[in-house]
Amino acid sequence: MQAAPVRATAIPTFTDALRAVESLLLSSGQRTARRNAWTSVLEDRRRAKDRVEAQRVLDEAVATRTS
């Protein structure tokens, strides 16, 4: 007896579903603006994290030097 053939159908992710809805509701320019804004938010968060890390390293260097 042979097994039934397996069909691989990709299940869309939640992100894919949101992008599909977004494409229906927003014009192309609005979509681009939203994505650019989100990219800016992520980049600002990354820079803030880098600043905190740099400040921590500097504080440790000063504490080590004054000890």
Protein backbone atom coordinates (compact mmCIF):
# COMPACT_ATOMS: atom_id res chain seq x y z
CA MET A 1 0.00 0.00 0.00
CA GLN A 2 1.40 3.40 -0.98
CA ALA A 3 1.21 6.51 1.13
CA ALA A 4 -0.84 9.40 -0.17
CA PRO A 5 1.27 12.08 -1.86
CA VAL A 6 2.20 14.98 0.38
CA ARG A 7 1.42 18.45 -0.88
CA ALA A 8 3.53 21.23 0.55
CA THR A 9 1.47 24.37 0.80
CA ALA A 10 3.08 27.33 2.51
CA ILE A 11 0.99 28.74 5.32
CA PRO A 12 1.14 32.54 5.24
CA THR A 13 2.61 34.13 8.32
CA PHE A 14 0.82 36.74 10.38
CA THR A 15 3.14 39.37 8.89
CA ASP A 16 2.22 38.26 5.37
CA ALA A 17 -1.46 38.58 6.24
CA LEU A 18 -0.95 42.08 7.67
CA ARG A 19 0.94 43.17 4.57
CA ALA A 20 -1.88 41.86 2.37
CA VAL A 21 -4.46 43.83 4.34
CA GLU A 22 -2.17 46.87 4.30
CA SER A 23 -1.84 46.68 0.53
CA LEU A 24 -5.63 46.63 0.19
CA LEU A 25 -6.22 49.56 2.53
CA LEU A 26 -3.33 51.91 1.84
CA SER A 27 -2.00 53.46 -1.30
CA SER A 28 1.54 52.64 -2.35
CA GLY A 29 2.92 55.96 -1.08
CA GLN A 30 1.36 55.49 2.34
CA ARG A 31 2.75 51.97 2.59
CA THR A 32 6.22 53.22 1.75
CA ALA A 33 5.93 56.05 4.28
CA ARG A 34 4.83 53.66 7.04
CA ARG A 35 7.65 51.25 6.32
CA ASN A 36 10.19 54.06 6.22
CA ALA A 37 8.88 55.38 9.53
CA TRP A 38 9.12 51.94 11.13
CA THR A 39 12.66 51.49 9.80
CA SER A 40 13.55 54.84 11.38
CA VAL A 41 12.08 53.76 14.71
CA LEU A 42 14.12 50.55 14.68
CA GLU A 43 17.29 52.44 13.76
CA ASP A 44 16.68 54.99 16.56
CA ARG A 45 16.27 52.13 19.05
CA ARG A 46 19.51 50.54 17.84
CA ARG A 47 21.41 53.83 18.20
CA ALA A 48 19.96 54.37 21.70
CA LYS A 49 21.07 50.89 22.71
CA ASP A 50 24.55 51.59 21.33
CA ARG A 51 24.72 54.88 23.28
CA VAL A 52 23.78 53.14 26.53
CA GLU A 53 26.43 50.47 25.94
CA ALA A 54 29.10 53.07 25.10
CA GLN A 55 28.24 55.05 28.25
CA ARG A 56 28.50 51.89 30.35
CA VAL A 57 31.96 51.12 28.91
CA LEU A 58 33.13 54.68 29.51
CA ASP A 59 31.82 54.64 33.09
CA GLU A 60 33.64 51.35 33.75
CA ALA A 61 36.86 52.76 32.28
CA VAL A 62 36.66 55.84 34.49
CA ALA A 63 35.86 53.73 37.57
CA THR A 64 38.82 51.42 36.86
CA ARG A 65 41.17 54.32 36.31
CA THR A 66 40.20 56.13 39.51
CA SER A 67 40.44 52.98 41.68
